[in-house]
């Protein structure tokens, strides 16, 4: 419930306007979503959502530190308080002037468009002397271009002896 409420609060805060939208993290095909994001110094929902969630986090910590709380209850309340504290920190990152794009620039470099390169694809059949169908084209290729060989290996013949009658039993019954 805490994660759902804080996620909804973060979405509403982004929609109503915050200074750090991090729109540079949107992929190319989602740039149209920038029209829904508003850059403002702060909206009226932000102080309410941070204040209410901070009060709830304080109550969770107080309940975890209470003398009558058992080990299980104290651990559960502590985990909920930590999750809520991280969500509050995420809300503050929406407003504080921190260069988060510089922190994640290594991930943005991976999105750069790269040349896929050229690969020559050869297809053939292996097995029972058919390997020469692939060896000749592979020998004639340019070594500067990588090659990929797609081969369909012919299954080896399976020899089975099929009996029409079941084998007689090898042991005898003693009366």
N, C-alpha and C. Protein backbone atom coordinates (compact mmCIF):
# COMPACT_ATOMS: atom_id res chain seq x y z
N UNK A 1 0.83 -1.19 0.00
CA UNK A 1 0.00 0.00 0.00
C UNK A 1 0.88 1.26 0.00
N UNK A 2 1.98 1.19 0.74
CA UNK A 2 2.88 2.35 0.81
C UNK A 2 3.50 2.62 -0.56
N UNK A 3 4.00 1.57 -1.21
CA UNK A 3 4.62 1.76 -2.51
C UNK A 3 3.62 2.26 -3.54
N UNK A 4 2.40 1.74 -3.50
CA UNK A 4 1.38 2.18 -4.45
C UNK A 4 1.05 3.66 -4.24
N UNK A 5 0.85 4.07 -2.97
CA UNK A 5 0.49 5.45 -2.67
C UNK A 5 1.61 6.42 -3.05
N UNK A 6 2.85 6.05 -2.75
CA UNK A 6 3.96 6.94 -3.06
C UNK A 6 4.23 7.00 -4.56
N UNK A 7 4.01 5.89 -5.26
CA UNK A 7 4.15 5.91 -6.72
C UNK A 7 3.10 6.81 -7.36
N UNK A 8 1.87 6.71 -6.86
CA UNK A 8 0.80 7.57 -7.37
C UNK A 8 1.09 9.03 -7.05
N UNK A 9 1.61 9.30 -5.86
CA UNK A 9 1.96 10.66 -5.48
C UNK A 9 3.08 11.21 -6.38
N UNK A 10 4.08 10.40 -6.67
CA UNK A 10 5.18 10.84 -7.55
C UNK A 10 4.65 11.13 -8.96
N UNK A 11 3.77 10.26 -9.46
CA UNK A 11 3.19 10.50 -10.79
C UNK A 11 2.39 11.79 -10.84
N UNK A 12 1.59 12.03 -9.82
CA UNK A 12 0.80 13.26 -9.77
C UNK A 12 1.70 14.48 -9.65
N UNK A 13 2.75 14.39 -8.85
CA UNK A 13 3.68 15.51 -8.72
C UNK A 13 4.37 15.81 -10.04
N UNK A 14 4.78 14.78 -10.77
CA UNK A 14 5.41 15.00 -12.08
C UNK A 14 4.42 15.61 -13.05
N UNK A 15 3.18 15.14 -13.02
CA UNK A 15 2.16 15.69 -13.92
C UNK A 15 1.83 17.14 -13.58
N UNK A 16 1.79 17.49 -12.30
CA UNK A 16 1.46 18.86 -11.89
C UNK A 16 2.62 19.82 -12.03
N UNK A 17 3.84 19.30 -12.08
CA UNK A 17 4.99 20.16 -12.32
C UNK A 17 6.04 20.10 -11.23
N UNK A 18 7.25 19.74 -11.62
CA UNK A 18 8.41 19.74 -10.73
C UNK A 18 9.60 20.21 -11.56
N UNK A 19 10.67 20.69 -10.92
CA UNK A 19 11.81 21.17 -11.70
C UNK A 19 12.63 20.07 -12.36
N UNK A 20 12.79 18.92 -11.73
CA UNK A 20 13.61 17.84 -12.27
C UNK A 20 12.73 16.76 -12.87
N UNK A 21 12.49 16.86 -14.15
CA UNK A 21 11.64 15.87 -14.82
C UNK A 21 12.44 14.69 -15.37
N UNK A 22 13.71 14.89 -15.62
CA UNK A 22 14.59 13.86 -16.19
C UNK A 22 14.05 13.36 -17.51
N UNK A 23 13.61 14.30 -18.36
CA UNK A 23 13.06 13.89 -19.66
C UNK A 23 14.13 13.40 -20.62
N UNK A 24 15.41 13.62 -20.29
CA UNK A 24 16.47 13.11 -21.15
C UNK A 24 16.59 11.59 -21.07
N UNK A 25 15.94 10.99 -20.08
CA UNK A 25 15.96 9.53 -19.96
C UNK A 25 14.89 8.86 -20.81
N UNK A 26 13.98 9.64 -21.37
CA UNK A 26 12.93 9.05 -22.22
C UNK A 26 13.54 8.56 -23.52
N UNK A 27 13.18 7.36 -23.97
CA UNK A 27 13.67 6.89 -25.27
C UNK A 27 13.06 7.71 -26.41
N UNK A 28 13.63 7.58 -27.59
CA UNK A 28 13.19 8.36 -28.75
C UNK A 28 11.71 8.19 -29.03
N UNK A 29 11.20 6.98 -28.96
CA UNK A 29 9.81 6.74 -29.33
C UNK A 29 8.83 7.24 -28.27
N UNK A 30 9.31 7.71 -27.13
CA UNK A 30 8.43 8.23 -26.09
C UNK A 30 8.60 9.74 -25.87
N UNK A 31 9.26 10.43 -26.79
CA UNK A 31 9.44 11.88 -26.63
C UNK A 31 8.12 12.64 -26.68
N UNK A 32 7.09 12.04 -27.22
CA UNK A 32 5.78 12.71 -27.24
C UNK A 32 5.22 12.88 -25.82
N UNK A 33 5.71 12.10 -24.86
CA UNK A 33 5.23 12.22 -23.48
C UNK A 33 5.71 13.51 -22.80
N UNK A 34 6.71 14.17 -23.39
CA UNK A 34 7.20 15.42 -22.81
C UNK A 34 6.11 16.48 -22.76
N UNK A 35 5.12 16.38 -23.65
CA UNK A 35 4.04 17.37 -23.65
C UNK A 35 3.17 17.25 -22.39
N UNK A 36 3.19 16.10 -21.73
CA UNK A 36 2.41 15.93 -20.51
C UNK A 36 3.17 16.35 -19.26
N UNK A 37 4.46 16.60 -19.38
CA UNK A 37 5.29 16.96 -18.23
C UNK A 37 5.43 18.47 -18.15
N UNK A 38 5.23 19.00 -16.96
CA UNK A 38 5.30 20.44 -16.75
C UNK A 38 6.47 20.76 -15.84
N UNK A 39 7.32 21.70 -16.27
CA UNK A 39 8.45 22.13 -15.45
C UNK A 39 8.02 23.36 -14.67
N UNK A 40 7.90 23.19 -13.35
CA UNK A 40 7.54 24.29 -12.45
C UNK A 40 8.47 24.22 -11.24
N UNK A 41 8.59 25.35 -10.51
CA UNK A 41 9.42 25.30 -9.30
C UNK A 41 8.91 24.27 -8.28
N UNK A 42 7.61 24.23 -8.08
CA UNK A 42 7.01 23.24 -7.19
C UNK A 42 5.49 23.36 -7.35
N UNK A 43 4.78 22.28 -7.09
CA UNK A 43 3.32 22.34 -7.12
C UNK A 43 2.79 22.27 -5.70
N UNK A 44 1.50 22.45 -5.54
CA UNK A 44 0.91 22.48 -4.20
C UNK A 44 0.78 21.09 -3.58
N UNK A 45 0.82 20.04 -4.39
CA UNK A 45 0.70 18.69 -3.86
C UNK A 45 2.01 18.22 -3.21
N UNK A 46 3.13 18.75 -3.67
CA UNK A 46 4.43 18.26 -3.17
C UNK A 46 4.58 18.43 -1.65
N UNK A 47 4.37 19.63 -1.09
CA UNK A 47 4.54 19.74 0.36
C UNK A 47 3.57 18.87 1.14
N UNK A 48 2.36 18.71 0.62
CA UNK A 48 1.38 17.88 1.32
C UNK A 48 1.82 16.42 1.30
N UNK A 49 2.23 15.93 0.14
CA UNK A 49 2.62 14.51 0.04
C UNK A 49 3.88 14.21 0.85
N UNK A 50 4.85 15.12 0.87
CA UNK A 50 6.07 14.88 1.64
C UNK A 50 5.79 14.97 3.14
N UNK A 51 4.97 15.92 3.54
CA UNK A 51 4.67 16.08 4.97
C UNK A 51 3.88 14.89 5.51
N UNK A 52 2.85 14.48 4.80
CA UNK A 52 2.04 13.35 5.26
C UNK A 52 2.87 12.07 5.29
N UNK A 53 3.65 11.84 4.26
CA UNK A 53 4.46 10.62 4.24
C UNK A 53 5.56 10.65 5.31
N UNK A 54 6.10 11.82 5.63
CA UNK A 54 7.10 11.91 6.69
C UNK A 54 6.47 11.62 8.05
N UNK A 55 5.25 12.11 8.26
CA UNK A 55 4.56 11.82 9.51
C UNK A 55 4.27 10.32 9.65
N UNK A 56 3.85 9.70 8.57
CA UNK A 56 3.59 8.25 8.61
C UNK A 56 4.89 7.48 8.86
N UNK A 57 5.99 7.91 8.24
CA UNK A 57 7.29 7.26 8.49
C UNK A 57 7.70 7.41 9.95
N UNK A 58 7.46 8.57 10.54
CA UNK A 58 7.79 8.78 11.95
C UNK A 58 6.95 7.87 12.84
N UNK A 59 5.67 7.70 12.51
CA UNK A 59 4.82 6.80 13.28
C UNK A 59 5.28 5.35 13.15
N UNK A 60 5.73 4.97 11.95
CA UNK A 60 6.23 3.61 11.76
C UNK A 60 7.50 3.36 12.57
N UNK A 61 8.40 4.32 12.59
CA UNK A 61 9.63 4.19 13.38
C UNK A 61 9.30 4.15 14.87
N UNK A 62 8.35 4.99 15.30
CA UNK A 62 7.95 5.00 16.70
C UNK A 62 7.34 3.65 17.10
N UNK A 63 6.54 3.07 16.20
CA UNK A 63 5.96 1.76 16.49
C UNK A 63 7.01 0.66 16.53
N UNK A 64 8.04 0.78 15.67
CA UNK A 64 9.10 -0.23 15.67
C UNK A 64 9.96 -0.14 16.92
N UNK A 65 10.11 1.05 17.47
CA UNK A 65 10.94 1.23 18.67
C UNK A 65 10.16 1.07 19.97
N UNK A 66 8.86 0.84 19.87
CA UNK A 66 8.05 0.69 21.07
C UNK A 66 8.46 -0.56 21.84
N UNK A 67 8.32 -0.50 23.16
CA UNK A 67 8.75 -1.61 24.02
C UNK A 67 7.86 -2.83 23.83
N UNK A 68 6.58 -2.63 23.56
CA UNK A 68 5.66 -3.77 23.44
C UNK A 68 5.71 -4.44 22.07
N UNK A 69 6.47 -3.88 21.12
CA UNK A 69 6.57 -4.48 19.79
C UNK A 69 7.50 -5.70 19.85
N UNK A 70 7.02 -6.81 19.31
CA UNK A 70 7.84 -8.02 19.25
C UNK A 70 8.87 -7.89 18.15
N UNK A 71 9.72 -8.90 18.03
CA UNK A 71 10.79 -8.86 17.03
C UNK A 71 10.22 -8.85 15.62
N UNK A 72 9.19 -9.66 15.38
CA UNK A 72 8.58 -9.73 14.05
C UNK A 72 7.93 -8.40 13.68
N UNK A 73 7.17 -7.84 14.59
CA UNK A 73 6.49 -6.58 14.33
C UNK A 73 7.49 -5.44 14.17
N UNK A 74 8.53 -5.42 14.98
CA UNK A 74 9.54 -4.37 14.88
C UNK A 74 10.27 -4.44 13.54
N UNK A 75 10.58 -5.66 13.10
CA UNK A 75 11.25 -5.83 11.80
C UNK A 75 10.35 -5.38 10.66
N UNK A 76 9.09 -5.78 10.69
CA UNK A 76 8.15 -5.38 9.65
C UNK A 76 7.95 -3.87 9.59
N UNK A 77 7.78 -3.24 10.74
CA UNK A 77 7.61 -1.79 10.76
C UNK A 77 8.87 -1.06 10.31
N UNK A 78 10.02 -1.61 10.65
CA UNK A 78 11.28 -1.00 10.21
C UNK A 78 11.42 -1.06 8.70
N UNK A 79 11.08 -2.22 8.11
CA UNK A 79 11.15 -2.35 6.65
C UNK A 79 10.18 -1.38 5.97
N UNK A 80 8.99 -1.25 6.50
CA UNK A 80 8.03 -0.30 5.92
C UNK A 80 8.52 1.14 6.06
N UNK A 81 9.13 1.46 7.19
CA UNK A 81 9.65 2.81 7.39
C UNK A 81 10.80 3.11 6.42
N UNK A 82 11.66 2.12 6.17
CA UNK A 82 12.77 2.33 5.24
C UNK A 82 12.24 2.51 3.82
N UNK A 83 11.27 1.70 3.40
CA UNK A 83 10.67 1.86 2.07
C UNK A 83 10.03 3.24 1.92
N UNK A 84 9.35 3.68 2.95
CA UNK A 84 8.72 4.99 2.91
C UNK A 84 9.77 6.10 2.90
N UNK A 85 10.86 5.93 3.63
CA UNK A 85 11.93 6.93 3.62
C UNK A 85 12.57 7.03 2.24
N UNK A 86 12.76 5.90 1.57
CA UNK A 86 13.31 5.94 0.21
C UNK A 86 12.34 6.61 -0.76
N UNK A 87 11.06 6.39 -0.57
CA UNK A 87 10.07 7.04 -1.43
C UNK A 87 10.05 8.55 -1.19
N UNK A 88 10.22 8.95 0.05
CA UNK A 88 10.29 10.39 0.36
C UNK A 88 11.54 11.00 -0.27
N UNK A 89 12.65 10.27 -0.22
CA UNK A 89 13.89 10.73 -0.86
C UNK A 89 13.68 10.88 -2.37
N UNK A 90 12.96 9.94 -2.96
CA UNK A 90 12.65 10.04 -4.39
C UNK A 90 11.82 11.30 -4.68
N UNK A 91 10.89 11.62 -3.81
CA UNK A 91 10.11 12.85 -3.98
C UNK A 91 11.00 14.08 -3.91
N UNK A 92 11.95 14.08 -2.99
CA UNK A 92 12.84 15.23 -2.88
C UNK A 92 13.75 15.37 -4.10
N UNK A 93 14.12 14.24 -4.72
CA UNK A 93 14.93 14.30 -5.94
C UNK A 93 14.18 14.98 -7.07
N UNK A 94 12.85 14.99 -7.01
CA UNK A 94 12.07 15.68 -8.04
C UNK A 94 12.20 17.19 -7.92
N UNK A 95 12.54 17.69 -6.74
CA UNK A 95 12.54 19.14 -6.50
C UNK A 95 13.95 19.71 -6.33
N UNK A 96 14.85 18.96 -5.71
CA UNK A 96 16.20 19.48 -5.45
C UNK A 96 16.99 19.64 -6.75
N UNK A 97 17.78 20.69 -6.86
CA UNK A 97 18.55 20.92 -8.10
C UNK A 97 19.82 20.07 -8.15
N UNK A 98 19.65 18.79 -8.36
CA UNK A 98 20.79 17.88 -8.47
C UNK A 98 20.92 17.43 -9.92
N UNK A 99 22.14 17.36 -10.44
CA UNK A 99 22.32 16.93 -11.83
C UNK A 99 22.27 15.40 -11.95
N UNK A 100 21.07 14.84 -11.94
CA UNK A 100 20.95 13.39 -12.00
C UNK A 100 21.30 12.84 -13.38
N UNK A 101 21.23 13.67 -14.41
CA UNK A 101 21.62 13.20 -15.75
C UNK A 101 23.12 12.90 -15.80
N UNK A 102 23.92 13.66 -15.05
CA UNK A 102 25.36 13.39 -15.02
C UNK A 102 25.65 12.08 -14.30
N UNK A 103 24.82 11.75 -13.31
CA UNK A 103 25.00 10.51 -12.58
C UNK A 103 24.73 9.29 -13.46
N UNK A 104 23.73 9.41 -14.34
CA UNK A 104 23.31 8.28 -15.17
C UNK A 104 23.75 8.41 -16.62
N UNK A 105 24.74 9.25 -16.91
CA UNK A 105 25.17 9.44 -18.30
C UNK A 105 25.77 8.17 -18.90
N UNK A 106 26.35 7.31 -18.07
CA UNK A 106 26.91 6.06 -18.58
C UNK A 106 25.81 5.18 -19.17
N UNK A 107 24.60 5.24 -18.63
CA UNK A 107 23.50 4.44 -19.16
C UNK A 107 22.95 5.05 -20.44
N UNK A 108 23.02 6.36 -20.57
CA UNK A 108 22.51 7.01 -21.77
C UNK A 108 23.42 6.75 -22.96
N UNK A 109 24.70 6.54 -22.73
CA UNK A 109 25.62 6.23 -23.83
C UNK A 109 25.27 4.91 -24.49
N UNK A 110 24.71 3.99 -23.75
CA UNK A 110 24.36 2.69 -24.31
C UNK A 110 23.22 2.80 -25.30
N UNK A 111 22.46 3.90 -25.26
CA UNK A 111 21.35 4.10 -26.18
C UNK A 111 21.78 4.64 -27.53
N UNK A 112 23.03 5.05 -27.64
CA UNK A 112 23.49 5.64 -28.90
C UNK A 112 23.32 4.64 -30.03
N UNK A 113 22.94 5.15 -31.18
CA UNK A 113 22.72 4.29 -32.34
C UNK A 113 24.06 3.80 -32.85
N UNK A 114 24.19 2.51 -32.95
CA UNK A 114 25.42 1.91 -33.44
C UNK A 114 25.18 1.26 -34.78
N UNK A 115 26.23 1.19 -35.58
CA UNK A 115 26.15 0.50 -36.86
C UNK A 115 26.09 -0.99 -36.58
N UNK A 116 25.10 -1.64 -37.14
CA UNK A 116 24.93 -3.06 -36.91
C UNK A 116 26.03 -3.87 -37.58
N UNK A 117 26.65 -3.33 -38.61
CA UNK A 117 27.71 -4.05 -39.29
C UNK A 117 27.17 -4.94 -40.40
N UNK A 118 28.08 -5.62 -41.04
CA UNK A 118 27.72 -6.49 -42.15
C UNK A 118 28.15 -7.91 -41.80
N UNK A 119 27.25 -8.83 -42.02
CA UNK A 119 27.53 -10.24 -41.78
C UNK A 119 27.03 -11.01 -42.98
N UNK A 120 27.88 -11.90 -43.47
CA UNK A 120 27.48 -12.76 -44.58
C UNK A 120 26.90 -14.04 -43.99
N UNK A 121 25.69 -14.39 -44.40
CA UNK A 121 25.02 -15.56 -43.88
C UNK A 121 25.04 -16.65 -44.95
N UNK A 122 25.55 -17.79 -44.57
CA UNK A 122 25.61 -18.95 -45.46
C UNK A 122 24.76 -20.05 -44.86
N UNK A 123 24.05 -20.75 -45.70
CA UNK A 123 23.21 -21.85 -45.22
C UNK A 123 23.64 -23.12 -45.91
N UNK A 124 23.54 -24.21 -45.22
CA UNK A 124 23.92 -25.48 -45.82
C UNK A 124 23.46 -26.65 -44.99
N UNK A 125 23.82 -27.83 -45.44
CA UNK A 125 23.43 -29.07 -44.80
C UNK A 125 24.69 -29.82 -44.41
N UNK A 126 24.75 -30.28 -43.18
CA UNK A 126 25.90 -31.03 -42.71
C UNK A 126 25.53 -32.50 -42.58
N UNK A 127 26.53 -33.32 -42.63
CA UNK A 127 26.31 -34.74 -42.42
C UNK A 127 26.32 -35.50 -43.73
N UNK A 128 26.83 -36.69 -43.72
CA UNK A 128 26.86 -37.61 -44.87
C UNK A 128 27.49 -36.96 -46.09
N UNK A 129 28.63 -36.26 -45.91
CA UNK A 129 29.35 -35.69 -47.04
C UNK A 129 28.83 -34.36 -47.54
N UNK A 130 27.86 -33.80 -46.87
CA UNK A 130 27.31 -32.52 -47.32
C UNK A 130 28.08 -31.33 -46.78
N UNK A 131 29.11 -31.54 -45.97
CA UNK A 131 29.88 -30.44 -45.41
C UNK A 131 30.59 -29.62 -46.47
N UNK A 132 30.84 -30.19 -47.64
CA UNK A 132 31.50 -29.43 -48.71
C UNK A 132 30.60 -28.33 -49.23
N UNK A 133 29.29 -28.44 -49.04
CA UNK A 133 28.40 -27.36 -49.47
C UNK A 133 28.66 -26.08 -48.69
N UNK A 134 29.17 -26.19 -47.50
CA UNK A 134 29.51 -25.00 -46.72
C UNK A 134 30.99 -24.65 -46.82
N UNK A 135 31.85 -25.62 -46.99
CA UNK A 135 33.29 -25.34 -47.02
C UNK A 135 33.68 -24.49 -48.21
N UNK A 136 33.13 -24.76 -49.37
CA UNK A 136 33.50 -23.99 -50.57
C UNK A 136 33.13 -22.51 -50.44
N UNK A 137 31.88 -22.16 -50.08
CA UNK A 137 31.58 -20.72 -49.93
C UNK A 137 32.36 -20.05 -48.80
N UNK A 138 32.63 -20.77 -47.71
CA UNK A 138 33.40 -20.18 -46.61
C UNK A 138 34.84 -19.91 -47.03
N UNK A 139 35.41 -20.76 -47.85
CA UNK A 139 36.78 -20.56 -48.31
C UNK A 139 36.88 -19.37 -49.26
N UNK A 140 35.81 -19.07 -49.99
CA UNK A 140 35.83 -18.00 -50.98
C UNK A 140 35.43 -16.64 -50.40
N UNK A 141 35.12 -16.54 -49.11
CA UNK A 141 34.65 -15.28 -48.54
C UNK A 141 35.81 -14.37 -48.19
N UNK A 142 35.48 -13.08 -48.09
CA UNK A 142 36.44 -12.06 -47.68
C UNK A 142 36.61 -12.16 -46.17
N UNK A 143 37.84 -12.14 -45.69
CA UNK A 143 38.08 -12.30 -44.26
C UNK A 143 37.72 -11.05 -43.47
N UNK A 144 37.50 -9.92 -44.14
CA UNK A 144 37.14 -8.69 -43.43
C UNK A 144 35.69 -8.69 -42.99
N UNK A 145 34.85 -9.49 -43.66
CA UNK A 145 33.43 -9.55 -43.32
C UNK A 145 33.19 -10.81 -42.51
N UNK A 146 32.58 -10.68 -41.32
CA UNK A 146 32.31 -11.87 -40.53
C UNK A 146 31.29 -12.77 -41.22
N UNK A 147 31.42 -14.06 -41.00
CA UNK A 147 30.53 -15.03 -41.61
C UNK A 147 29.73 -15.74 -40.53
N UNK A 148 28.50 -16.06 -40.86
CA UNK A 148 27.66 -16.85 -39.99
C UNK A 148 27.13 -18.01 -40.82
N UNK A 149 27.39 -19.20 -40.37
CA UNK A 149 26.94 -20.37 -41.12
C UNK A 149 25.76 -20.99 -40.40
N UNK A 150 24.65 -21.12 -41.11
CA UNK A 150 23.47 -21.79 -40.58
C UNK A 150 23.46 -23.19 -41.19
N UNK A 151 23.55 -24.18 -40.36
CA UNK A 151 23.64 -25.54 -40.87
C UNK A 151 22.55 -26.40 -40.26
N UNK A 152 22.00 -27.25 -41.08
CA UNK A 152 21.01 -28.20 -40.63
C UNK A 152 21.67 -29.56 -40.64
N UNK A 153 21.95 -30.08 -39.48
CA UNK A 153 22.63 -31.37 -39.39
C UNK A 153 21.63 -32.48 -39.66
N UNK A 154 21.98 -33.32 -40.59
CA UNK A 154 21.10 -34.46 -40.91
C UNK A 154 21.20 -35.47 -39.78
N UNK A 155 20.08 -35.97 -39.32
CA UNK A 155 20.14 -36.94 -38.22
C UNK A 155 20.76 -38.25 -38.68
N UNK A 156 21.51 -38.85 -37.79
CA UNK A 156 22.12 -40.15 -38.10
C UNK A 156 21.03 -41.21 -38.15
N UNK A 157 21.16 -42.18 -39.04
CA UNK A 157 20.14 -43.22 -39.11
C UNK A 157 20.12 -44.04 -37.82
N UNK A 158 18.94 -44.35 -37.40
CA UNK A 158 18.76 -45.10 -36.17
C UNK A 158 18.45 -46.54 -36.56
N UNK A 159 19.23 -47.48 -36.08
CA UNK A 159 19.02 -48.90 -36.38
C UNK A 159 18.45 -49.56 -35.15
N UNK A 160 17.30 -50.14 -35.31
CA UNK A 160 16.67 -50.88 -34.22
C UNK A 160 16.23 -52.24 -34.74
N UNK A 161 16.34 -53.18 -33.89
CA UNK A 161 15.78 -54.48 -34.25
C UNK A 161 14.40 -54.56 -33.65
N UNK A 162 13.43 -54.78 -34.48
CA UNK A 162 12.05 -54.82 -34.03
C UNK A 162 11.62 -56.28 -34.00
N UNK A 163 11.12 -56.70 -32.87
CA UNK A 163 10.62 -58.07 -32.74
C UNK A 163 9.11 -58.06 -32.86
N UNK A 164 8.63 -59.00 -33.56
CA UNK A 164 7.18 -59.07 -33.70
C UNK A 164 6.55 -59.79 -32.52
N UNK A 165 7.31 -60.65 -31.83
CA UNK A 165 6.81 -61.39 -30.67
C UNK A 165 7.66 -61.02 -29.47
N UNK A 166 7.04 -60.95 -28.32
CA UNK A 166 7.85 -60.67 -27.13
C UNK A 166 8.82 -61.80 -26.85
N UNK A 167 9.91 -61.48 -26.24
CA UNK A 167 10.93 -62.47 -25.91
C UNK A 167 10.40 -63.41 -24.84
N UNK A 168 10.76 -64.71 -24.93
CA UNK A 168 10.29 -65.65 -23.90
C UNK A 168 10.96 -65.35 -22.58
N UNK A 169 10.30 -65.63 -21.48
CA UNK A 169 10.91 -65.38 -20.17
C UNK A 169 12.13 -66.24 -19.96
N UNK A 170 13.11 -65.70 -19.29
CA UNK A 170 14.37 -66.42 -19.07
C UNK A 170 14.35 -67.21 -17.77
N UNK A 171 13.41 -67.04 -16.93
CA UNK A 171 13.35 -67.78 -15.69
C UNK A 171 12.12 -68.70 -15.69
N UNK A 172 12.20 -69.74 -14.90
CA UNK A 172 11.08 -70.70 -14.83
C UNK A 172 10.51 -70.68 -13.42
N UNK A 173 9.27 -70.98 -13.37
CA UNK A 173 8.61 -71.09 -12.09
C UNK A 173 8.85 -72.47 -11.49
N UNK A 174 9.11 -72.50 -10.25
CA UNK A 174 9.27 -73.79 -9.55
C UNK A 174 7.98 -74.08 -8.81
N UNK A 175 7.47 -75.29 -9.01
CA UNK A 175 6.21 -75.62 -8.31
C UNK A 175 6.36 -75.83 -6.84
